[in-house]
């Protein structure tokens, strides 16, 4: 019989600590953590690192233990003259039926069990051996009843669980998150393949993989078979970049872990998942074999033709996932053109549209889109007959497909981006019009306009890809040293205001040119639409000409002005 008081003494949780206070953090001699061991005023210490159960008794407890050892012939708490056997201490090798683990598998890994008085298994013991000598240095104990783990002995130079059973090289080695999963994987492969497990679960993955990286990379393929829960996948993410290229394969399980699959009899499903493990590639690197869905997805995206034939011939329309920048000098009709596009989208598609017109209030934006429907610049009317204009409201804003951003007092970058995301996600807007970029930057406190534009363009480009929307962005030009843009000066990409990021991150850049001072009224009201960048179709140059009718407020496609020759650049 074991001594009752000795059982109490061996349990660190029974140690009296009511007068003990925390003193400092120290390195743990078992798990190697630099500061996880908490030292208390009574001399005791306890490691709080995940998976580590290292405990050091108080000085008072140590004195008590010494006294007991002196009074007993056996330091492990047996009555005098009673012999302690290995079987008594760590159980016997046997099958674990509830886990579907055979005796052969348990024997391979040296796993033992203990039985209670009713003959039911109540404890598992997982041995950890010295990597050099093969000597058992310690045991991890699992209580079946409460599923708690504890470790006794030393963890120095013990490596991964099951490492002593491995050949040390070969085609495959599987790494699991826990000992039971290690046994389960080995069981499902008839103990033919090398399998190891982390000592301290997902929390110790990085440290333990780094410690045994040389051993693991002796194999052609390292298969990570971690739990499919959040903790397990986080552990996968934390270690996947540690391995050499083409070394790591990641197994995606349809259930929580390998042990659960073995219990459920899903051996075939597990082996199929294991054999289909994909070789890890860093973010941004994609195998050509994995591109089919992306290709077919793009093929299903239909282009929407522009309302002007010349522009459509050059661009082949516009599409979701594209960022189109429209730029010109001041007063050249950028806002008018985007209103024409908004009205066109309302009639040519069934899609919702989001409009962020930052230089005008929502009533002015509303009148602008209604004017397109009415063929009349309503904002110039001294009085507006409500009954007369109601049908134009119903054709545009009243469709419940046209959403505006009431921005007064809130044009900060983050606020703007969140509104775009809301329009796309919550309101299902497929097309977003942002007029214009410069006012967003001007609201920032940064003195560096270029960096500010770089930052917001990167975020806008990311949003377009994330949300799958088409974005029309209005941007201004910087002042030119040559002929002013307002006097008909030719636009180039280098003249985009603030940053080359606008040109680099846009799929298409459309410049508007018009001589506002031309003596010829027709020329004065005719805008050259010049393609400066065309990632989709490649064509650049003067695509078409749009004439503004001051009586209708509309822009219609015409031939080139009398003093302007059609040019095409490739």
Protein backbone atom coordinates (compact mmCIF):
# COMPACT_ATOMS: atom_id res chain seq x y z
CA UNK A 1 0.00 0.00 0.00
CA UNK A 2 1.17 3.53 -0.80
CA UNK A 3 1.43 5.95 2.12
CA UNK A 4 -1.54 8.31 2.11
CA UNK A 5 0.47 11.29 3.26
CA UNK A 6 3.15 10.54 0.67
CA UNK A 7 0.57 10.68 -2.09
CA UNK A 8 -0.38 14.06 -0.73
CA UNK A 9 3.23 15.13 -0.60
CA UNK A 10 3.92 14.07 -4.20
CA UNK A 11 1.06 16.24 -5.55
CA UNK A 12 2.32 19.82 -6.07
CA UNK A 13 -1.25 21.04 -6.22
CA UNK A 14 -1.65 20.06 -2.56
CA UNK A 15 1.22 22.28 -1.48
CA UNK A 16 0.21 25.02 0.98
CA UNK A 17 0.74 28.45 -0.60
CA UNK A 18 -1.49 30.78 1.39
CA UNK A 19 1.51 32.68 2.73
CA UNK A 20 3.45 32.51 -0.54
CA UNK A 21 3.89 35.56 -2.81
CA UNK A 22 5.14 35.88 -6.39
CA UNK A 23 8.77 37.04 -6.54
CA UNK A 24 10.03 36.90 -10.17
CA UNK A 25 10.04 35.11 -13.52
CA UNK A 26 12.85 32.67 -14.35
CA UNK A 27 13.88 30.34 -17.20
CA UNK A 28 12.27 26.88 -17.09
CA UNK A 29 14.78 23.99 -16.99
CA UNK A 30 12.25 21.61 -18.58
CA UNK A 31 10.68 23.39 -21.57
CA UNK A 32 13.42 25.93 -22.12
CA UNK A 33 11.17 28.99 -21.84
CA UNK A 34 13.13 32.10 -20.91
CA UNK A 35 10.57 33.52 -18.44
CA UNK A 36 7.64 31.15 -17.94
CA UNK A 37 8.79 29.80 -14.52
CA UNK A 38 7.19 31.77 -11.69
CA UNK A 39 9.19 31.81 -8.45
CA UNK A 40 7.37 32.28 -5.11
CA UNK A 41 8.52 33.50 -1.72
CA UNK A 42 8.34 30.01 -0.16
CA UNK A 43 10.89 28.77 -2.66
CA UNK A 44 8.45 26.92 -4.91
CA UNK A 45 8.36 27.40 -8.65
CA UNK A 46 5.84 26.57 -11.38
CA UNK A 47 6.10 26.84 -15.19
CA UNK A 48 3.08 28.31 -16.91
CA UNK A 49 4.23 27.65 -20.49
CA UNK A 50 1.68 25.80 -22.61
CA UNK A 51 2.15 22.05 -22.28
CA UNK A 52 4.81 22.29 -19.58
CA UNK A 53 4.07 20.86 -16.13
CA UNK A 54 7.39 21.58 -14.45
CA UNK A 55 7.01 22.24 -10.72
CA UNK A 56 9.54 22.81 -7.96
CA UNK A 57 8.41 22.30 -4.32
CA UNK A 58 8.90 24.82 -1.55
CA UNK A 59 11.84 24.48 0.79
CA UNK A 60 9.44 23.41 3.56
CA UNK A 61 8.02 20.70 1.32
CA UNK A 62 11.51 19.48 0.42
CA UNK A 63 12.39 19.11 4.10
CA UNK A 64 9.19 17.17 4.70
CA UNK A 65 9.95 14.90 1.72
CA UNK A 66 13.44 14.19 2.99
CA UNK A 67 12.02 13.18 6.34
CA UNK A 68 9.58 10.78 4.71
CA UNK A 69 12.33 9.30 2.56
CA UNK A 70 14.42 8.65 5.61
CA UNK A 71 11.56 6.86 7.29
CA UNK A 72 10.77 4.73 4.24
CA UNK A 73 12.81 2.16 2.41
CA UNK A 74 11.33 3.42 -0.86
CA UNK A 75 11.48 6.99 -1.96
CA UNK A 76 8.34 6.65 -4.10
CA UNK A 77 6.00 6.12 -1.20
CA UNK A 78 5.63 2.39 -0.65
CA UNK A 79 5.53 0.75 2.75
CA UNK A 80 8.75 -0.53 4.15
CA UNK A 81 10.23 -3.57 2.38
CA UNK A 82 7.68 -3.25 -0.52
CA UNK A 83 9.26 -3.51 -3.98
CA UNK A 84 8.26 -0.97 -6.66
CA UNK A 85 8.04 -2.44 -10.16
CA UNK A 86 7.97 -0.70 -13.48
CA UNK A 87 4.52 -2.12 -14.04
CA UNK A 88 3.23 -0.46 -10.87
CA UNK A 89 4.71 2.88 -11.79
CA UNK A 90 3.93 3.28 -15.47
CA UNK A 91 1.48 0.53 -16.25
CA UNK A 92 1.63 -2.14 -18.92
CA UNK A 93 1.67 -2.23 -22.69
CA UNK A 94 -1.79 -3.05 -23.96
CA UNK A 95 -4.31 -2.10 -26.63
CA UNK A 96 -6.44 1.04 -26.08
CA UNK A 97 -9.84 -0.12 -27.41
CA UNK A 98 -11.76 3.17 -27.07
CA UNK A 99 -9.13 4.80 -29.30
CA UNK A 100 -8.93 1.82 -31.67
CA UNK A 101 -5.20 1.55 -30.96
CA UNK A 102 -3.70 -1.93 -31.18
CA UNK A 103 -1.18 -3.40 -28.77
CA UNK A 104 1.37 -3.47 -31.60
CA UNK A 105 1.10 0.28 -32.07
CA UNK A 106 1.40 0.93 -28.34
CA UNK A 107 4.40 -1.41 -28.17
CA UNK A 108 6.13 0.38 -31.04
CA UNK A 109 5.97 3.71 -29.14
CA UNK A 110 6.37 2.19 -25.64
CA UNK A 111 2.98 3.56 -24.56
CA UNK A 112 1.58 1.99 -21.41
CA UNK A 113 -1.73 2.11 -19.58
CA UNK A 114 -2.99 1.74 -16.01
CA UNK A 115 -6.29 0.18 -14.96
CA UNK A 116 -8.64 1.10 -12.14
CA UNK A 117 -10.27 -1.42 -9.79
CA UNK A 118 -13.02 -2.13 -12.33
CA UNK A 119 -10.52 -3.02 -15.05
CA UNK A 120 -11.04 0.18 -17.00
CA UNK A 121 -8.08 2.10 -18.38
CA UNK A 122 -7.71 5.29 -16.35
CA UNK A 123 -4.23 6.52 -17.35
CA UNK A 124 -1.98 6.57 -20.43
CA UNK A 125 1.80 7.01 -20.24
CA UNK A 126 3.83 8.31 -23.19
CA UNK A 127 7.60 7.81 -22.82
CA UNK A 128 10.19 10.39 -23.88
CA UNK A 129 13.68 9.05 -24.49
CA UNK A 130 17.12 10.59 -24.61
CA UNK A 131 18.04 11.15 -28.26
CA UNK A 132 21.60 9.96 -27.69
CA UNK A 133 21.27 7.06 -25.28
CA UNK A 134 17.70 5.87 -25.85
CA UNK A 135 17.12 5.97 -22.09
CA UNK A 136 13.63 6.95 -20.92
CA UNK A 137 13.99 10.44 -19.44
CA UNK A 138 10.36 11.08 -18.57
CA UNK A 139 6.71 10.27 -19.10
CA UNK A 140 3.72 12.33 -20.10
CA UNK A 141 0.67 11.05 -18.25
CA UNK A 142 -2.86 11.45 -19.54
CA UNK A 143 -5.77 11.00 -17.19
CA UNK A 144 -8.62 9.43 -19.16
CA UNK A 145 -11.26 10.71 -16.73
CA UNK A 146 -10.46 14.41 -16.78
CA UNK A 147 -8.30 14.47 -19.96
CA UNK A 148 -5.51 16.30 -18.10
CA UNK A 149 -1.82 15.88 -18.90
CA UNK A 150 1.16 15.96 -16.57
CA UNK A 151 4.85 15.32 -17.09
CA UNK A 152 7.34 13.67 -14.78
CA UNK A 153 11.07 13.40 -15.29
CA UNK A 154 13.40 15.47 -17.45
CA UNK A 155 12.65 16.93 -20.89
CA UNK A 156 16.28 17.60 -21.67
CA UNK A 157 17.43 16.19 -25.03
CA UNK A 158 14.26 14.15 -25.54
CA UNK A 159 13.22 15.50 -28.95
CA UNK A 160 9.78 14.87 -30.40
CA UNK A 161 7.50 12.09 -29.23
CA UNK A 162 8.21 8.95 -31.24
CA UNK A 163 11.49 10.25 -32.61
CA UNK A 164 13.30 7.25 -31.15
CA UNK A 165 11.12 4.94 -33.31
CA UNK A 166 12.08 6.64 -36.60
CA UNK A 167 14.61 5.54 -39.17
CA UNK A 168 16.05 9.06 -39.34
CA UNK A 169 15.57 9.45 -43.09
CA UNK A 170 13.29 8.28 -45.84
CA UNK A 171 10.53 9.41 -48.14
CA UNK A 172 7.94 10.58 -45.58
CA UNK A 173 7.64 11.64 -41.97
CA UNK A 174 4.38 12.88 -40.45
CA UNK A 175 4.24 15.42 -37.64
CA UNK A 176 1.11 15.57 -35.48
CA UNK A 177 -0.01 17.93 -32.76
CA UNK A 178 -0.32 15.33 -29.97
CA UNK A 179 0.76 11.85 -28.93
CA UNK A 180 -2.63 10.19 -29.48
CA UNK A 181 -2.78 11.56 -33.02
CA UNK A 182 0.74 10.24 -33.59
CA UNK A 183 -0.36 6.76 -32.57
CA UNK A 184 -3.54 7.07 -34.67
CA UNK A 185 -1.63 7.99 -37.84
CA UNK A 186 0.81 5.13 -37.31
CA UNK A 187 -2.11 2.75 -36.68
CA UNK A 188 -3.89 3.77 -39.89
CA UNK A 189 -0.70 3.14 -41.88
CA UNK A 190 -0.06 -0.22 -40.20
CA UNK A 191 2.99 1.25 -38.46
CA UNK A 192 4.94 1.41 -41.71
CA UNK A 193 5.65 5.15 -41.84
CA UNK A 194 7.63 7.30 -39.44
CA UNK A 195 5.36 9.50 -37.31
CA UNK A 196 6.25 11.95 -34.53
CA UNK A 197 4.35 14.39 -32.35
CA UNK A 198 4.99 17.75 -30.75
CA UNK A 199 5.73 17.55 -27.02
CA UNK A 200 3.63 20.50 -25.93
CA UNK A 201 0.96 20.82 -28.61
CA UNK A 202 0.29 23.73 -30.94
CA UNK A 203 1.77 26.29 -28.54
CA UNK A 204 5.24 24.77 -28.76
CA UNK A 205 5.24 24.14 -32.51
CA UNK A 206 7.78 26.77 -33.56
CA UNK A 207 10.28 26.01 -30.81
CA UNK A 208 10.12 22.24 -31.19
CA UNK A 209 10.22 22.22 -34.99
CA UNK A 210 13.27 24.48 -34.96
CA UNK A 211 14.97 22.23 -32.39
CA UNK A 212 14.50 19.15 -34.58
CA UNK A 213 14.62 20.79 -38.00
CA UNK A 214 17.80 19.00 -39.04
CA UNK A 215 16.24 15.64 -38.14
CA UNK A 216 12.98 16.40 -39.98
CA UNK A 217 14.68 17.66 -43.13
CA UNK A 218 16.56 14.38 -43.51
CA UNK A 219 13.25 13.14 -44.98
CA UNK A 220 12.15 13.90 -48.52
CA UNK A 221 8.71 15.03 -47.39
CA UNK A 222 7.50 16.38 -44.04
CA UNK A 223 3.70 16.08 -43.73
CA UNK A 224 2.10 18.41 -41.17
CA UNK A 225 -1.03 16.76 -39.83
CA UNK A 226 -2.14 19.26 -37.20
CA UNK A 227 -5.66 19.69 -35.84
CA UNK A 228 -8.11 21.39 -38.16
CA UNK A 229 -9.26 23.83 -35.44
CA UNK A 230 -8.07 27.42 -35.18
CA UNK A 231 -5.17 26.62 -32.83
CA UNK A 232 -3.91 23.86 -35.10
CA UNK A 233 -4.07 25.94 -38.26
CA UNK A 234 -2.39 28.84 -36.49
CA UNK A 235 0.42 26.44 -35.58
CA UNK A 236 0.66 25.38 -39.25
CA UNK A 237 0.99 29.01 -40.29
CA UNK A 238 3.66 29.62 -37.66
CA UNK A 239 6.01 26.83 -38.83
CA UNK A 240 5.42 26.50 -42.57
CA UNK A 241 8.10 29.01 -43.56
CA UNK A 242 10.74 27.30 -41.40
CA UNK A 243 11.22 24.38 -43.80
CA UNK A 244 13.28 24.30 -46.96
CA UNK A 245 11.44 24.82 -50.27
CA UNK A 246 9.43 21.84 -51.53
CA UNK A 247 9.99 19.97 -48.27
CA UNK A 248 6.68 20.58 -46.52
CA UNK A 249 3.27 19.10 -47.29
CA UNK A 250 0.13 20.19 -45.42
CA UNK A 251 -2.61 17.66 -44.73
CA UNK A 252 -6.16 19.06 -44.60
CA UNK A 253 -8.40 16.82 -42.50
CA UNK A 254 -12.20 16.62 -42.87
CA UNK A 255 -12.49 16.07 -39.10
CA UNK A 256 -10.79 17.67 -36.10
CA UNK A 257 -7.75 15.38 -35.92
CA UNK A 258 -6.33 11.99 -36.87
CA UNK A 259 -7.38 10.40 -33.57
CA UNK A 260 -10.99 11.40 -34.13
CA UNK A 261 -10.92 9.95 -37.65
CA UNK A 262 -9.55 6.62 -36.41
CA UNK A 263 -12.22 6.48 -33.69
CA UNK A 264 -14.90 7.11 -36.32
CA UNK A 265 -13.49 4.37 -38.57
CA UNK A 266 -12.63 6.93 -41.30
CA UNK A 267 -9.32 5.28 -42.16
CA UNK A 268 -9.84 5.46 -45.93
CA UNK A 269 -10.83 9.15 -45.70
CA UNK A 270 -7.74 9.90 -43.64
CA UNK A 271 -5.30 8.14 -45.94
CA UNK A 272 -6.89 9.87 -48.92
CA UNK A 273 -6.43 13.27 -47.24
CA UNK A 274 -2.87 12.37 -46.32
CA UNK A 275 -1.90 11.29 -49.85
CA UNK A 276 -3.54 14.46 -51.24
CA UNK A 277 -1.49 16.72 -48.98
CA UNK A 278 -0.39 19.74 -50.98
CA UNK A 279 3.18 20.92 -51.12
CA UNK A 280 3.43 24.25 -49.32
CA UNK A 281 4.20 27.31 -51.38
CA UNK A 282 4.71 30.77 -49.83
CA UNK A 283 1.96 33.36 -50.22
CA UNK A 284 1.83 34.75 -53.71
CA UNK A 285 3.31 31.66 -55.39
CA UNK A 286 0.68 29.62 -57.23
CA UNK A 287 1.09 26.44 -59.20
CA UNK A 288 -0.10 26.61 -62.78
CA UNK A 289 -2.25 23.57 -62.03
CA UNK A 290 -4.21 25.67 -59.53
CA UNK A 291 -5.13 28.44 -61.98
CA UNK A 292 -8.06 26.85 -63.79
CA UNK A 293 -10.74 28.21 -61.48
CA UNK A 294 -9.22 31.69 -61.63
CA UNK A 295 -9.11 31.56 -65.43
CA UNK A 296 -12.65 30.28 -65.87
CA UNK A 297 -13.87 32.79 -63.29
CA UNK A 298 -12.40 35.68 -65.31
CA UNK A 299 -13.88 34.23 -68.50
CA UNK A 300 -17.33 34.45 -66.93
CA UNK A 301 -16.86 38.16 -66.19
CA UNK A 302 -18.56 40.08 -69.01
CA UNK A 303 -17.36 43.43 -70.23
CA UNK A 304 -19.80 46.33 -70.13
CA UNK A 305 -19.47 48.45 -73.29
CA UNK A 306 -18.96 52.19 -72.94
CA UNK A 307 -21.78 54.35 -74.32
CA UNK A 308 -19.35 55.88 -76.85
CA UNK A 309 -18.26 53.69 -79.78
CA UNK A 310 -14.75 55.04 -80.21
CA UNK A 311 -13.90 54.58 -76.54
CA UNK A 312 -15.41 51.12 -76.57
CA UNK A 313 -13.41 50.09 -79.64
CA UNK A 314 -10.17 51.02 -77.89
CA UNK A 315 -10.95 49.53 -74.48
CA UNK A 316 -13.36 46.65 -75.22
CA UNK A 317 -15.53 48.02 -72.41
CA UNK A 318 -14.98 48.03 -68.66
CA UNK A 319 -15.16 45.19 -66.18
CA UNK A 320 -15.40 44.22 -62.50
CA UNK A 321 -12.04 44.03 -60.69
CA UNK A 322 -10.80 47.04 -62.73
CA UNK A 323 -9.74 50.47 -61.50
CA UNK A 324 -10.31 53.13 -64.16
CA UNK A 325 -8.84 56.59 -63.56
CA UNK A 326 -10.31 59.58 -65.38
CA UNK A 327 -8.11 62.70 -65.32
CA UNK A 328 -7.92 66.18 -66.82
CA UNK A 329 -7.24 69.79 -65.99
CA UNK A 330 -9.80 71.92 -64.13
CA UNK A 331 -13.25 72.42 -65.65
CA UNK A 332 -12.81 69.87 -68.45
CA UNK A 333 -15.97 67.85 -67.80
CA UNK A 334 -14.73 64.93 -65.65
CA UNK A 335 -17.78 64.98 -63.40
CA UNK A 336 -20.13 65.29 -66.39
CA UNK A 337 -18.61 62.23 -68.04
CA UNK A 338 -18.92 60.11 -64.89
CA UNK A 339 -22.58 61.18 -64.57
CA UNK A 340 -23.13 59.94 -68.11
CA UNK A 341 -21.52 56.66 -67.08
CA UNK A 342 -23.70 56.42 -63.96
CA UNK A 343 -26.87 56.94 -65.99
CA UNK A 344 -25.69 54.46 -68.59
CA UNK A 345 -25.03 51.80 -65.94
CA UNK A 346 -28.50 52.29 -64.47
CA UNK A 347 -30.05 51.57 -67.87
CA UNK A 348 -27.60 49.05 -69.37
CA UNK A 349 -27.33 46.80 -66.30
CA UNK A 350 -29.35 45.67 -63.29
CA UNK A 351 -26.43 46.45 -60.98
CA UNK A 352 -26.38 48.76 -57.97
CA UNK A 353 -24.15 51.83 -58.14
CA UNK A 354 -22.32 53.67 -55.35
CA UNK A 355 -21.34 57.33 -55.84
CA UNK A 356 -18.95 59.30 -53.67
CA UNK A 357 -18.94 62.84 -55.07
CA UNK A 358 -16.74 64.69 -52.62
CA UNK A 359 -16.93 68.20 -54.14
CA UNK A 360 -20.69 68.59 -53.95
CA UNK A 361 -23.55 67.80 -51.60
CA UNK A 362 -25.96 64.94 -52.31
CA UNK A 363 -28.71 67.24 -53.63
CA UNK A 364 -26.36 68.59 -56.32
CA UNK A 365 -25.29 65.02 -57.21
CA UNK A 366 -28.95 63.98 -57.36
CA UNK A 367 -29.87 66.87 -59.65
CA UNK A 368 -26.89 66.01 -61.86
CA UNK A 369 -28.00 62.44 -62.54
CA UNK A 370 -31.64 63.55 -62.94
CA UNK A 371 -30.49 66.15 -65.50
CA UNK A 372 -29.01 63.39 -67.65
CA UNK A 373 -32.38 61.60 -67.64
CA UNK A 374 -34.22 64.84 -68.39
CA UNK A 375 -31.86 66.05 -71.15
CA UNK A 376 -31.87 69.32 -69.30
CA UNK A 377 -29.43 70.90 -66.78
CA UNK A 378 -31.97 71.07 -63.93
CA UNK A 379 -29.54 72.78 -61.56
CA UNK A 380 -29.68 75.87 -63.82
CA UNK A 381 -33.44 76.14 -63.61
CA UNK A 382 -34.67 78.97 -61.41
CA UNK A 383 -37.73 76.97 -60.38
CA UNK A 384 -38.27 73.24 -60.58
CA UNK A 385 -41.73 71.79 -61.12
CA UNK A 386 -41.85 68.81 -58.78
CA UNK A 387 -44.42 66.94 -60.82
CA UNK A 388 -42.40 67.50 -63.99
CA UNK A 389 -39.13 66.18 -62.60
CA UNK A 390 -40.58 63.30 -60.55
CA UNK A 391 -40.34 60.83 -63.49
CA UNK A 392 -36.61 61.60 -63.84
CA UNK A 393 -36.11 60.94 -60.14
CA UNK A 394 -37.94 57.61 -60.54
CA UNK A 395 -35.66 56.66 -63.47
CA UNK A 396 -32.51 57.31 -61.45
CA UNK A 397 -32.47 57.73 -57.70
CA UNK A 398 -35.90 56.21 -57.25
CA UNK A 399 -34.76 52.86 -58.67
CA UNK A 400 -33.29 51.93 -55.26
CA UNK A 401 -30.10 51.02 -57.11
CA UNK A 402 -28.30 54.35 -56.74
CA UNK A 403 -26.49 55.06 -53.47
CA UNK A 404 -24.76 58.29 -52.45
CA UNK A 405 -22.25 59.12 -49.73
CA UNK A 406 -23.29 62.12 -47.63
CA UNK A 407 -19.74 63.09 -46.81
CA UNK A 408 -19.85 66.52 -45.22
CA UNK A 409 -17.35 66.65 -42.37
CA UNK A 410 -16.15 63.06 -42.93
CA UNK A 411 -13.75 62.65 -45.86
CA UNK A 412 -10.98 60.90 -43.92
CA UNK A 413 -9.25 58.06 -45.71
CA UNK A 414 -10.38 55.31 -43.35
CA UNK A 415 -13.95 56.60 -43.31
CA UNK A 416 -14.04 56.72 -47.08
CA UNK A 417 -12.66 53.21 -47.52
CA UNK A 418 -15.13 51.79 -44.98
CA UNK A 419 -18.01 53.40 -46.92
CA UNK A 420 -16.80 51.84 -50.17
CA UNK A 421 -16.61 48.44 -48.48
CA UNK A 422 -20.12 48.90 -47.05
CA UNK A 423 -21.53 49.88 -50.45
CA UNK A 424 -20.04 46.76 -52.00
CA UNK A 425 -20.73 44.27 -49.21
CA UNK A 426 -23.99 45.45 -47.65
CA UNK A 427 -25.63 47.29 -50.57
CA UNK A 428 -24.32 44.99 -53.33
CA UNK A 429 -22.95 47.87 -55.42
CA UNK A 430 -21.04 46.45 -58.40
CA UNK A 431 -19.78 49.85 -59.62
CA UNK A 432 -18.23 52.59 -57.48
CA UNK A 433 -17.54 56.16 -58.62
CA UNK A 434 -15.10 58.20 -56.49
CA UNK A 435 -14.90 61.88 -57.48
CA UNK A 436 -12.22 62.84 -56.67
CA UNK A 437 -8.96 61.53 -55.21
CA UNK A 438 -7.23 64.81 -54.44
CA UNK A 439 -9.83 65.95 -51.95
CA UNK A 440 -9.28 62.76 -49.94
CA UNK A 441 -5.58 63.48 -49.75
CA UNK A 442 -6.16 67.13 -48.88
CA UNK A 443 -8.08 66.02 -45.78
CA UNK A 444 -5.01 64.20 -44.47
CA UNK A 445 -2.57 65.82 -42.08
CA UNK A 446 0.41 64.59 -44.05
CA UNK A 447 2.62 67.17 -45.75
CA UNK A 448 3.83 64.61 -48.25
CA UNK A 449 1.14 64.40 -50.93
CA UNK A 450 2.98 61.74 -52.92
CA UNK A 451 3.20 59.32 -50.00
CA UNK A 452 -0.42 59.99 -49.08
CA UNK A 453 -1.56 59.19 -52.63
CA UNK A 454 0.67 56.07 -52.69
CA UNK A 455 -0.99 54.81 -49.53
CA UNK A 456 -4.59 55.38 -50.55
CA UNK A 457 -4.08 54.06 -54.10
CA UNK A 458 -2.65 50.84 -52.67
CA UNK A 459 -5.69 50.49 -50.42
CA UNK A 460 -8.11 51.25 -53.26
CA UNK A 461 -6.39 48.69 -55.50
CA UNK A 462 -6.67 46.10 -52.73
CA UNK A 463 -10.36 46.91 -52.21
CA UNK A 464 -11.11 46.46 -55.90
CA UNK A 465 -9.57 42.98 -55.84
CA UNK A 466 -11.12 42.05 -52.51
CA UNK A 467 -14.65 43.22 -53.35
CA UNK A 468 -14.74 42.40 -57.06
CA UNK A 469 -16.14 45.83 -57.97
CA UNK A 470 -15.38 48.14 -60.86
CA UNK A 471 -14.06 51.50 -59.60
CA UNK A 472 -14.07 54.75 -61.57
CA UNK A 473 -11.65 57.19 -59.95
CA UNK A 474 -11.48 60.88 -60.83
CA UNK A 475 -8.03 62.44 -60.39
CA UNK A 476 -6.50 65.84 -61.11
CA UNK A 477 -3.39 66.73 -63.06
CA UNK A 478 -0.42 68.69 -61.82
CA UNK A 479 0.49 71.96 -63.49
CA UNK A 480 2.50 71.55 -66.66
CA UNK A 481 5.44 73.68 -67.81
CA UNK A 482 4.22 73.49 -71.39
CA UNK A 483 0.87 74.36 -72.92
CA UNK A 484 -1.80 74.46 -70.17
CA UNK A 485 -4.30 71.59 -70.20
CA UNK A 486 -7.15 74.10 -70.13
CA UNK A 487 -5.80 75.52 -73.41
CA UNK A 488 -5.75 72.14 -75.12
CA UNK A 489 -2.36 70.84 -73.91
CA UNK A 490 -1.69 67.14 -74.48
CA UNK A 491 -1.94 64.94 -71.33
CA UNK A 492 0.68 62.33 -70.40
CA UNK A 493 0.85 59.79 -67.57
CA UNK A 494 3.71 61.67 -65.96
CA UNK A 495 1.37 64.61 -65.33
CA UNK A 496 -0.92 62.76 -62.92
CA UNK A 497 -0.97 64.74 -59.75
CA UNK A 498 1.07 63.61 -56.78
CA UNK A 499 2.22 60.07 -57.46
CA UNK A 500 3.05 57.53 -60.15
CA UNK A 501 1.07 55.02 -58.07
CA UNK A 502 -2.07 56.28 -59.84
CA UNK A 503 -0.68 55.20 -63.20
CA UNK A 504 0.89 52.01 -61.88
CA UNK A 505 -2.14 50.71 -59.99
CA UNK A 506 -4.86 51.72 -62.46
CA UNK A 507 -5.98 49.21 -65.08
CA UNK A 508 -6.90 52.07 -67.37
CA UNK A 509 -6.17 55.81 -67.42
CA UNK A 510 -8.39 58.09 -69.52
CA UNK A 511 -7.34 61.71 -70.10
CA UNK A 512 -9.70 64.48 -71.20
CA UNK A 513 -8.34 67.32 -73.37
CA UNK A 514 -10.19 70.47 -74.43
CA UNK A 515 -9.23 74.01 -75.38
CA UNK A 516 -11.58 76.09 -73.27
CA UNK A 517 -10.34 79.30 -74.96
CA UNK A 518 -10.72 78.21 -78.57
CA UNK A 519 -12.41 80.87 -80.69
CA UNK A 520 -14.46 78.18 -82.42
CA UNK A 521 -17.46 77.30 -80.23
CA UNK A 522 -17.60 73.73 -81.50
CA UNK A 523 -13.94 73.17 -80.71
CA UNK A 524 -14.40 74.91 -77.36
CA UNK A 525 -17.10 72.43 -76.36
CA UNK A 526 -15.51 69.27 -77.78
CA UNK A 527 -13.43 67.04 -75.52
CA UNK A 528 -10.77 64.66 -76.78
CA UNK A 529 -10.91 61.35 -74.88
CA UNK A 530 -7.33 60.05 -74.84
CA UNK A 531 -6.37 56.57 -73.59
CA UNK A 532 -3.13 56.90 -71.62
CA UNK A 533 -3.01 53.35 -70.26
CA UNK A 534 -4.94 50.28 -71.35
CA UNK A 535 -3.91 47.12 -69.52
CA UNK A 536 -6.74 45.04 -70.98
CA UNK A 537 -6.54 45.77 -74.71
CA UNK A 538 -3.24 47.64 -75.04
CA UNK A 539 -4.43 50.41 -77.42
CA UNK A 540 -3.63 54.01 -76.48
CA UNK A 541 -4.24 57.37 -78.10
CA UNK A 542 -7.21 59.60 -79.00
CA UNK A 543 -10.16 57.19 -78.84
CA UNK A 544 -13.14 59.49 -79.41
CA UNK A 545 -14.50 63.03 -79.15
CA UNK A 546 -17.41 64.15 -76.99
CA UNK A 547 -19.33 67.37 -77.57
CA UNK A 548 -21.15 69.09 -74.73
CA UNK A 549 -24.60 70.50 -75.51
CA UNK A 550 -25.26 73.37 -73.12
CA UNK A 551 -29.00 73.21 -73.81
CA UNK A 552 -29.45 69.51 -72.95
CA UNK A 553 -26.47 69.15 -70.61
CA UNK A 554 -25.52 65.94 -72.45
CA UNK A 555 -22.28 64.76 -74.05
CA UNK A 556 -22.54 63.03 -77.40
CA UNK A 557 -19.92 61.44 -79.63
CA UNK A 558 -18.81 63.50 -82.64
CA UNK A 559 -15.94 63.63 -85.08
CA UNK A 560 -12.62 65.26 -84.24
CA UNK A 561 -12.45 69.05 -83.93
CA UNK A 562 -11.30 70.89 -87.01
CA UNK A 563 -7.89 71.59 -85.48
CA UNK A 564 -7.29 68.12 -84.01
CA UNK A 565 -5.96 65.08 -85.86
CA UNK A 566 -6.78 61.55 -84.78
CA UNK A 567 -3.67 59.84 -83.38
CA UNK A 568 -3.05 56.30 -82.34
CA UNK A 569 -0.11 55.12 -80.21
CA UNK A 570 0.84 51.56 -79.30
